[in-house]
Amino acid sequence: MSWGRYPPLPQRARAANWCGGLPALLASAAKEKGSTLAHGEGRSYGDSCLAASGEVIAMRRLDRFLDADWSSGVLRAEAGTTLADILAVAVPRGWFLPVTPGTKFVTLGGAIANDVHGKNHHRRGTFGRHVRRFGLLRSDRGRLVCAPDAEPALFAATIGGLGLTGLIEWAEIQLMPIASSHVDGLAVRFGDLGEFFALSAELDERHEFCVSWVDCAARGKTAGRGVYMAGDFASDGPRAVENRRRPGVPLTPPVSLVNAWSLRAFNAIYWRKASAKRRYVRGGYDPFFYPLDALPNWNRIYGIKGFQQYQALIPDAEARAGVQALLDAIARSGKGSFLAVLKRCGGDASPGLLSFPRPGVTLALDFPHSGHLEDALFPRLDAIVHEAGGRLYPAKDAHMKGEDFRRAYPDWEKLAALRDPLLLSHFWKRVAQ
């Protein structure tokens, strides 16, 4: 299933053990099911990682390193290699991922297909900007090597193309040099959105990584309060691989553990715990980049119905008013998230056709699934995003209307023309067909 466990569309998996066996898997899927889709670690939240046929090709076992130049930081690996696998070999040699999302348990192929972004988008853009080339297997054209100067149309369509242009077999990426694996971090709480935008204007350009937590349950004078966090890799210290995994959530409860009471209590405690003065702390990269990875299977806390994430980007011109309207609507609904993330995106354009980030502010929250979301709350949020000229993140979506997708991603028809005829997801069928 997807990471959000919604929609409840369990998939049957055909496991790929070697790249050499992929053509046969495609042929059998074409004969028996008519369509399929590559599936990595399944960390996409909605239905973009679910095949319309109900049968996927599991790519996780394709996790071999193929080549590395540790003098330049150029690494080539199979598509099922996870970001955690890459960190394990790169960090001791003085290299880090140039861009990383909030979990290291995503595959290289998935990072490209969703053109993931992170806390340094204002500095380095999306993951796709650091992809040099990749191997793509199509059902109609066989094996291709795609790069900016080789199959450029497919190169652009595959980055952020949601796995629809072919099976990514391997990829070559440029890593980022680091002197230490430790991060010098800064944290300070803010009282409202005005303070957030002031802090962002002052500090974002000074630091490589910037992100904020916002209290989505706060109302009235406290609405928009949160904690601003920034960081940079230390100039000295060890280069140690980290993996702070603790015992995970052992089972899925019948109902969500996230409710109005626990949400208000957690958010109030978290905000008061943060310092009102700027606090500087040095720590490892794991708690800074991947706090939720320490709790395996944390998605289970939302119960058997699962959850939906709502991640919207509001352009700069409407950012303050748009984000305020979203937070007001969420607070009035009594719904919300423990981990509501607010951050700025920069102006470095991605090479991908359907890349989500652009200059503006993105807000991401998780909601326990219920009928109220799609009947009441999400339509209100969608209207705010539409009026502000914003858009939603396909990798996190399970509800977006087709007309909203097509308006927000005008290049969707170019991707449709380049889609592998054998690859079809529930998401694409929902928004483009």
Protein backbone atom coordinates (compact mmCIF):
# COMPACT_ATOMS: atom_id res chain seq x y z
CA MET A 1 0.00 0.00 0.00
CA SER A 2 1.02 3.63 -0.05
CA TRP A 3 2.58 5.21 3.04
CA GLY A 4 -0.67 6.98 3.93
CA ARG A 5 -2.57 3.66 3.65
CA TYR A 6 -5.23 5.59 1.76
CA PRO A 7 -6.81 4.95 -0.67
CA PRO A 8 -7.05 1.28 0.41
CA LEU A 9 -5.84 -0.27 -2.83
CA PRO A 10 -3.42 -3.09 -1.94
CA GLN A 11 -1.04 -4.02 -4.72
CA ARG A 12 0.36 -7.34 -5.87
CA ALA A 13 4.11 -7.13 -6.46
CA ARG A 14 6.33 -8.78 -9.05
CA ALA A 15 9.84 -8.61 -7.63
CA ALA A 16 12.72 -7.46 -9.82
CA ASN A 17 16.01 -9.04 -8.77
CA TRP A 18 18.24 -7.93 -11.65
CA CYS A 19 17.93 -5.21 -14.28
CA GLY A 20 18.34 -7.96 -16.86
CA GLY A 21 15.00 -9.44 -15.80
CA LEU A 22 12.98 -6.22 -16.17
CA PRO A 23 12.03 -6.66 -19.86
CA ALA A 24 10.43 -10.03 -19.07
CA LEU A 25 8.50 -8.51 -16.17
CA LEU A 26 7.18 -5.76 -18.44
CA ALA A 27 6.18 -8.32 -21.07
CA SER A 28 4.29 -10.49 -18.59
CA ALA A 29 2.55 -7.43 -17.09
CA ALA A 30 1.49 -6.33 -20.56
CA LYS A 31 0.09 -9.76 -21.36
CA GLU A 32 -1.67 -10.43 -18.07
CA LYS A 33 -2.67 -7.02 -16.70
CA GLY A 34 -2.39 -4.45 -19.47
CA SER A 35 -0.52 -1.97 -17.26
CA THR A 36 1.86 -1.80 -14.31
CA LEU A 37 4.06 0.64 -12.39
CA ALA A 38 7.45 0.66 -10.68
CA HIS A 39 7.30 0.60 -6.87
CA GLY A 40 10.22 1.45 -4.57
CA GLU A 41 9.89 1.80 -0.79
CA GLY A 42 6.28 2.96 -1.03
CA ARG A 43 6.86 6.27 0.76
CA SER A 44 4.56 8.22 -1.55
CA TYR A 45 1.57 9.16 0.56
CA GLY A 46 -1.34 8.91 -1.86
CA ASP A 47 -2.05 6.92 -5.01
CA SER A 48 0.81 8.03 -7.29
CA CYS A 49 2.72 4.85 -6.35
CA LEU A 50 -0.24 2.52 -6.92
CA ALA A 51 -0.76 0.86 -10.29
CA ALA A 52 -4.17 1.20 -11.90
CA SER A 53 -4.00 -2.54 -12.60
CA GLY A 54 -3.31 -3.38 -8.95
CA GLU A 55 0.04 -4.96 -9.84
CA VAL A 56 3.43 -3.27 -9.50
CA ILE A 57 7.04 -4.14 -10.23
CA ALA A 58 8.93 -4.06 -6.91
CA MET A 59 12.30 -2.39 -7.55
CA ARG A 60 13.77 -2.43 -4.03
CA ARG A 61 16.12 -5.38 -4.65
CA LEU A 62 17.89 -3.41 -7.41
CA ASP A 63 20.14 -1.77 -4.82
CA ARG A 64 23.66 -2.23 -6.17
CA PHE A 65 26.31 0.47 -6.43
CA LEU A 66 27.70 0.52 -9.96
CA ASP A 67 30.41 3.19 -9.89
CA ALA A 68 31.74 6.00 -7.72
CA ASP A 69 34.39 8.69 -8.07
CA TRP A 70 35.13 9.83 -4.53
CA SER A 71 37.39 12.63 -5.72
CA SER A 72 34.48 14.35 -7.48
CA GLY A 73 31.48 12.92 -5.61
CA VAL A 74 29.83 11.35 -8.66
CA LEU A 75 27.90 8.19 -7.77
CA ARG A 76 26.03 5.72 -9.97
CA ALA A 77 23.66 3.15 -8.45
CA GLU A 78 20.62 1.06 -9.31
CA ALA A 79 17.22 2.62 -8.86
CA GLY A 80 16.24 0.54 -5.81
CA THR A 81 19.15 1.90 -3.78
CA THR A 82 17.80 4.01 -0.91
CA LEU A 83 19.10 7.37 0.23
CA ALA A 84 20.09 5.61 3.47
CA ASP A 85 22.22 3.18 1.45
CA ILE A 86 23.94 6.12 -0.26
CA LEU A 87 24.62 7.92 3.02
CA ALA A 88 26.17 4.78 4.50
CA VAL A 89 28.93 4.77 1.89
CA ALA A 90 29.18 8.50 1.11
CA VAL A 91 29.28 10.17 4.53
CA PRO A 92 32.54 8.52 5.75
CA ARG A 93 34.14 9.68 2.48
CA GLY A 94 33.08 13.30 2.97
CA TRP A 95 29.98 13.46 0.78
CA PHE A 96 26.27 13.99 1.45
CA LEU A 97 23.08 14.08 -0.57
CA PRO A 98 22.76 17.49 -2.25
CA VAL A 99 19.00 17.40 -1.62
CA THR A 100 17.10 15.13 0.75
CA PRO A 101 13.43 14.86 1.73
CA GLY A 102 12.28 14.26 5.30
CA THR A 103 13.01 10.53 5.14
CA LYS A 104 16.09 8.68 3.96
CA PHE A 105 14.05 5.56 3.27
CA VAL A 106 13.14 6.45 -0.30
CA THR A 107 14.74 4.90 -3.36
CA LEU A 108 16.93 6.67 -5.87
CA GLY A 109 14.33 6.00 -8.56
CA GLY A 110 11.57 7.37 -6.35
CA ALA A 111 13.55 10.51 -5.53
CA ILE A 112 13.84 11.20 -9.27
CA ALA A 113 10.27 10.24 -10.15
CA ASN A 114 8.91 12.62 -7.51
CA ASP A 115 11.70 15.21 -7.88
CA VAL A 116 11.94 15.47 -4.11
CA HIS A 117 12.98 18.66 -2.36
CA GLY A 118 14.27 19.46 1.10
CA LYS A 119 15.28 22.11 3.60
CA ASN A 120 17.77 23.69 1.18
CA HIS A 121 15.55 24.28 -1.83
CA HIS A 122 16.36 27.99 -1.62
CA ARG A 123 20.03 27.06 -2.15
CA ARG A 124 20.14 23.95 -4.35
CA GLY A 125 16.68 23.43 -5.81
CA THR A 126 15.23 19.95 -6.25
CA PHE A 127 16.86 16.52 -6.44
CA GLY A 128 16.51 16.58 -10.23
CA ARG A 129 19.03 19.42 -10.54
CA HIS A 130 21.74 17.04 -9.32
CA VAL A 131 20.92 14.08 -11.59
CA ARG A 132 23.51 13.74 -14.36
CA ARG A 133 21.94 10.86 -16.29
CA PHE A 134 19.93 7.69 -15.84
CA GLY A 135 19.00 4.48 -17.61
CA LEU A 136 15.37 4.17 -18.67
CA LEU A 137 13.64 1.00 -19.86
CA ARG A 138 10.51 1.54 -21.94
CA SER A 139 8.07 -1.10 -23.09
CA ASP A 140 7.99 0.42 -26.59
CA ARG A 141 11.61 1.52 -27.13
CA GLY A 142 13.77 -0.71 -24.96
CA ARG A 143 16.76 0.67 -23.05
CA LEU A 144 17.72 4.34 -23.27
CA VAL A 145 20.26 6.56 -21.54
CA CYS A 146 18.72 9.94 -20.68
CA ALA A 147 20.66 13.12 -19.89
CA PRO A 148 20.30 16.83 -20.63
CA ASP A 149 22.04 16.24 -23.98
CA ALA A 150 20.70 12.74 -24.69
CA GLU A 151 16.96 12.11 -24.96
CA PRO A 152 16.42 15.54 -23.34
CA ALA A 153 12.62 15.38 -23.60
CA LEU A 154 12.47 12.07 -21.72
CA PHE A 155 15.07 13.33 -19.24
CA ALA A 156 12.84 16.29 -18.36
CA ALA A 157 9.63 14.26 -18.35
CA THR A 158 11.06 11.53 -16.09
CA ILE A 159 12.26 13.97 -13.41
CA GLY A 160 9.05 14.54 -11.47
CA GLY A 161 7.23 12.29 -13.95
CA LEU A 162 5.75 10.02 -11.24
CA GLY A 163 7.28 6.86 -12.72
CA LEU A 164 5.19 7.06 -15.90
CA THR A 165 7.86 7.45 -18.61
CA GLY A 166 9.57 4.07 -18.12
CA LEU A 167 11.40 2.03 -15.52
CA ILE A 168 14.43 3.88 -14.14
CA GLU A 169 17.10 1.16 -13.94
CA TRP A 170 20.03 3.20 -12.60
CA ALA A 171 20.99 6.82 -12.05
CA GLU A 172 24.15 8.90 -11.75
CA ILE A 173 24.05 11.82 -9.30
CA GLN A 174 26.38 14.53 -8.05
CA LEU A 175 26.89 14.51 -4.28
CA MET A 176 27.67 17.49 -2.02
CA PRO A 177 31.00 17.74 -0.12
CA ILE A 178 30.93 17.98 3.68
CA ALA A 179 33.72 18.41 6.24
CA SER A 180 31.70 16.81 9.04
CA SER A 181 28.45 14.91 9.43
CA HIS A 182 27.45 17.14 12.34
CA VAL A 183 25.03 20.02 11.83
CA ASP A 184 25.28 23.39 13.56
CA GLY A 185 21.62 24.16 14.21
CA LEU A 186 19.64 27.23 15.21
CA ALA A 187 16.12 27.20 16.68
CA VAL A 188 13.85 30.01 17.84
CA ARG A 189 10.11 30.17 18.31
CA PHE A 190 7.92 32.79 16.66
CA GLY A 191 4.56 34.14 17.73
CA ASP A 192 2.75 34.49 14.41
CA LEU A 193 3.20 34.35 10.65
CA GLY A 194 4.53 37.89 10.55
CA GLU A 195 7.45 36.82 12.74
CA PHE A 196 8.01 33.76 10.57
CA PHE A 197 8.34 35.84 7.41
CA ALA A 198 10.67 38.27 9.18
CA LEU A 199 12.90 35.42 10.38
CA SER A 200 12.83 33.82 6.95
CA ALA A 201 13.82 37.08 5.25
CA GLU A 202 16.69 37.57 7.69
CA LEU A 203 18.09 34.05 8.05
CA ASP A 204 17.26 31.90 5.02
CA GLU A 205 20.10 33.24 2.90
CA ARG A 206 22.58 32.82 5.75
CA HIS A 207 21.97 29.11 6.18
CA GLU A 208 22.02 26.05 3.92
CA PHE A 209 18.99 24.43 5.56
CA CYS A 210 15.83 26.16 6.81
CA VAL A 211 12.42 24.85 7.87
CA SER A 212 9.71 25.70 10.39
CA TRP A 213 7.18 23.82 12.47
CA VAL A 214 3.85 25.60 12.85
CA ASP A 215 1.09 25.06 15.41
CA CYS A 216 -1.88 24.28 13.17
CA ALA A 217 -4.27 24.19 16.17
CA ALA A 218 -3.54 27.72 17.41
CA ARG A 219 -6.27 30.32 16.96
CA GLY A 220 -6.80 34.00 17.66
CA LYS A 221 -3.72 35.93 18.72
CA THR A 222 -1.61 32.74 18.71
CA ALA A 223 -2.55 31.72 15.17
CA GLY A 224 0.51 31.03 13.02
CA ARG A 225 2.94 30.55 15.89
CA GLY A 226 5.73 28.03 15.48
CA VAL A 227 9.43 27.24 15.64
CA TYR A 228 11.96 28.33 13.02
CA MET A 229 14.95 26.01 12.54
CA ALA A 230 18.08 26.48 10.43
CA GLY A 231 21.38 24.64 10.09
CA ASP A 232 24.67 24.15 8.28
CA PHE A 233 27.12 21.29 8.21
CA ALA A 234 29.88 21.88 10.74
CA SER A 235 33.33 22.82 9.47
CA ASP A 236 35.00 20.22 11.70
CA GLY A 237 34.12 17.00 13.48
CA PRO A 238 33.54 13.33 12.69
CA ARG A 239 32.04 11.94 9.51
CA ALA A 240 29.88 9.27 11.08
CA VAL A 241 26.96 7.35 9.62
CA GLU A 242 23.85 7.69 11.77
CA ASN A 243 20.76 5.54 12.16
CA ARG A 244 18.72 6.41 15.25
CA ARG A 245 16.06 3.77 14.81
CA ARG A 246 14.03 2.96 17.92
CA PRO A 247 11.34 0.33 18.43
CA GLY A 248 8.58 1.17 16.00
CA VAL A 249 4.81 1.20 16.20
CA PRO A 250 4.10 -2.55 16.50
CA LEU A 251 0.50 -2.60 15.27
CA THR A 252 -2.19 -0.50 13.68
CA PRO A 253 -4.83 0.64 16.21
CA PRO A 254 -8.51 0.49 15.21
CA VAL A 255 -8.82 4.29 15.50
CA SER A 256 -6.39 7.14 14.97
CA LEU A 257 -4.27 8.20 17.94
CA VAL A 258 -4.20 11.69 16.43
CA ASN A 259 -7.30 13.58 17.56
CA ALA A 260 -8.32 17.10 18.53
CA TRP A 261 -7.30 16.64 22.19
CA SER A 262 -3.88 15.06 21.58
CA LEU A 263 -3.19 17.56 18.79
CA ARG A 264 -3.84 20.65 20.91
CA ALA A 265 -1.91 19.24 23.87
CA PHE A 266 1.14 18.22 21.82
CA ASN A 267 1.32 21.46 19.85
CA ALA A 268 1.02 23.65 22.94
CA ILE A 269 3.75 21.71 24.78
CA TYR A 270 6.06 21.66 21.75
CA TRP A 271 5.76 25.42 21.21
CA ARG A 272 6.33 26.31 24.88
CA LYS A 273 9.30 23.96 25.05
CA ALA A 274 11.09 25.89 22.31
CA SER A 275 13.27 28.81 23.32
CA ALA A 276 12.08 32.38 22.80
CA LYS A 277 15.72 33.32 22.23
CA ARG A 278 17.89 31.98 19.43
CA ARG A 279 19.43 28.73 20.56
CA TYR A 280 22.45 27.18 18.82
CA VAL A 281 23.09 23.44 19.08
CA ARG A 282 25.44 21.04 17.30
CA GLY A 283 24.10 17.57 16.60
CA GLY A 284 24.02 14.68 14.17
CA TYR A 285 22.40 14.82 10.75
CA ASP A 286 19.82 12.13 11.54
CA PRO A 287 17.70 14.08 14.06
CA PHE A 288 18.03 17.25 11.99
CA PHE A 289 16.95 15.82 8.63
CA TYR A 290 15.05 12.65 9.54
CA PRO A 291 13.27 12.97 12.92
CA LEU A 292 10.44 10.60 11.97
CA ASP A 293 12.79 7.89 10.69
CA ALA A 294 13.67 7.17 14.31
CA LEU A 295 10.19 5.66 14.75
CA PRO A 296 9.64 2.87 12.21
CA ASN A 297 6.07 2.45 10.95
CA TRP A 298 4.97 5.77 12.45
CA ASN A 299 2.21 5.88 9.83
CA ARG A 300 0.34 3.25 11.85
CA ILE A 301 -0.60 5.78 14.56
CA TYR A 302 -3.32 7.06 12.23
CA GLY A 303 -5.26 3.81 12.54
CA ILE A 304 -6.70 1.39 10.01
CA LYS A 305 -8.25 4.16 7.89
CA GLY A 306 -4.85 5.72 7.28
CA PHE A 307 -4.14 9.39 6.69
CA GLN A 308 -3.86 11.96 3.95
CA GLN A 309 -1.20 14.61 3.65
CA TYR A 310 -2.08 18.02 2.30
CA GLN A 311 0.96 19.80 0.90
CA ALA A 312 0.35 23.06 -0.90
CA LEU A 313 2.65 25.67 -2.37
CA ILE A 314 1.54 29.32 -2.33
CA PRO A 315 3.44 31.73 -4.63
CA ASP A 316 5.45 34.52 -3.00
CA ALA A 317 3.02 37.29 -3.93
CA GLU A 318 0.18 35.62 -2.02
CA ALA A 319 2.21 33.61 0.50
CA ARG A 320 1.38 35.39 3.75
CA ALA A 321 -2.35 35.81 3.11
CA GLY A 322 -2.67 32.35 1.57
CA VAL A 323 -0.89 30.47 4.35
CA GLN A 324 -2.83 32.42 6.98
CA ALA A 325 -6.11 31.48 5.31
CA LEU A 326 -5.10 27.80 5.18
CA LEU A 327 -4.12 27.77 8.87
CA ASP A 328 -7.32 29.56 9.88
CA ALA A 329 -9.46 27.02 8.02
CA ILE A 330 -7.55 24.09 9.51
CA ALA A 331 -7.77 25.47 13.07
CA ARG A 332 -11.53 26.03 12.73
CA SER A 333 -11.98 22.45 11.52
CA GLY A 334 -10.40 20.98 14.65
CA LYS A 335 -8.28 18.75 12.41
CA GLY A 336 -4.53 18.94 12.03
CA SER A 337 -1.10 17.46 12.39
CA PHE A 338 1.63 16.99 14.97
CA LEU A 339 4.19 17.81 12.31
CA ALA A 340 2.99 20.79 10.29
CA VAL A 341 5.89 21.94 8.13
CA LEU A 342 6.29 25.44 6.72
CA LYS A 343 9.21 26.45 4.49
CA ARG A 344 10.24 28.72 1.67
CA CYS A 345 11.13 27.48 -1.80
CA GLY A 346 13.67 29.27 -3.96
CA GLY A 347 13.83 30.29 -7.57
CA ASP A 348 16.16 27.66 -9.05
CA ALA A 349 14.03 25.92 -11.64
CA SER A 350 14.04 22.14 -11.86
CA PRO A 351 14.75 20.41 -15.17
CA GLY A 352 11.61 18.35 -14.58
CA LEU A 353 8.35 19.06 -16.39
CA LEU A 354 6.09 18.47 -13.39
CA SER A 355 8.34 19.53 -10.52
CA PHE A 356 6.25 20.76 -7.57
CA PRO A 357 8.36 23.54 -5.98
CA ARG A 358 8.60 27.07 -7.32
CA PRO A 359 9.20 30.43 -5.59
CA GLY A 360 6.84 30.60 -2.65
CA VAL A 361 5.99 28.97 0.66
CA THR A 362 4.92 25.37 1.12
CA LEU A 363 2.76 24.08 3.97
CA ALA A 364 2.42 20.35 4.67
CA LEU A 365 0.17 18.63 7.20
CA ASP A 366 -1.09 15.10 7.88
CA PHE A 367 -4.76 14.42 8.61
CA PRO A 368 -6.34 11.17 9.85
CA HIS A 369 -8.58 10.04 7.03
CA SER A 370 -12.28 10.68 7.42
CA GLY A 371 -15.19 11.62 5.21
CA HIS A 372 -14.98 15.16 6.58
CA LEU A 373 -11.69 15.76 4.79
CA GLU A 374 -12.91 15.33 1.24
CA ASP A 375 -16.46 16.56 1.87
CA ALA A 376 -15.66 19.71 3.81
CA LEU A 377 -12.08 20.62 4.75
CA PHE A 378 -10.16 19.82 1.57
CA PRO A 379 -12.61 21.69 -0.71
CA ARG A 380 -12.13 24.79 1.46
CA LEU A 381 -8.34 24.42 1.35
CA ASP A 382 -8.39 23.74 -2.39
CA ALA A 383 -10.35 26.95 -2.99
CA ILE A 384 -7.77 28.96 -1.04
CA VAL A 385 -4.88 27.40 -2.97
CA HIS A 386 -6.64 27.95 -6.30
CA GLU A 387 -7.38 31.60 -5.54
CA ALA A 388 -3.75 32.17 -4.55
CA GLY A 389 -2.46 30.58 -7.76
CA GLY A 390 -0.86 27.70 -5.85
CA ARG A 391 -0.75 23.94 -6.34
CA LEU A 392 -0.58 20.60 -4.52
CA TYR A 393 2.23 18.02 -4.46
CA PRO A 394 1.25 14.93 -6.52
CA ALA A 395 3.54 12.63 -4.48
CA LYS A 396 1.51 13.42 -1.36
CA ASP A 397 -1.95 13.62 -2.89
CA ALA A 398 -4.98 11.32 -2.75
CA HIS A 399 -7.84 13.70 -3.56
CA MET A 400 -6.85 16.37 -6.12
CA LYS A 401 -9.43 17.10 -8.81
CA GLY A 402 -8.35 16.62 -12.40
CA GLU A 403 -9.11 20.20 -13.35
CA ASP A 404 -7.00 21.51 -10.46
CA PHE A 405 -4.08 19.32 -11.47
CA ARG A 406 -4.25 20.29 -15.12
CA ARG A 407 -4.47 24.00 -14.27
CA ALA A 408 -1.56 23.88 -11.83
CA TYR A 409 0.68 21.74 -14.08
CA PRO A 410 0.20 23.07 -17.61
CA ASP A 411 2.95 20.79 -18.97
CA TRP A 412 0.94 17.69 -18.07
CA GLU A 413 0.10 17.10 -21.74
CA LYS A 414 3.80 16.87 -22.60
CA LEU A 415 4.15 14.14 -19.99
CA ALA A 416 1.03 12.44 -21.31
CA ALA A 417 2.58 12.33 -24.79
CA LEU A 418 5.79 10.76 -23.41
CA ARG A 419 4.16 8.32 -20.99
CA ASP A 420 5.13 4.70 -21.48
CA PRO A 421 1.89 3.08 -22.76
CA LEU A 422 2.31 0.21 -20.28
CA LEU A 423 2.69 2.38 -17.15
CA LEU A 424 -0.39 3.79 -15.45
CA SER A 425 -1.01 4.83 -11.84
CA HIS A 426 -4.24 5.42 -9.97
CA PHE A 427 -3.19 9.06 -9.65
CA TRP A 428 -2.69 9.58 -13.38
CA LYS A 429 -5.94 7.81 -14.23
CA ARG A 430 -7.73 10.05 -11.73
CA VAL A 431 -6.34 13.43 -12.76
CA ALA A 432 -5.41 13.04 -16.45
CA GLN A 433 -7.81 10.46 -17.86
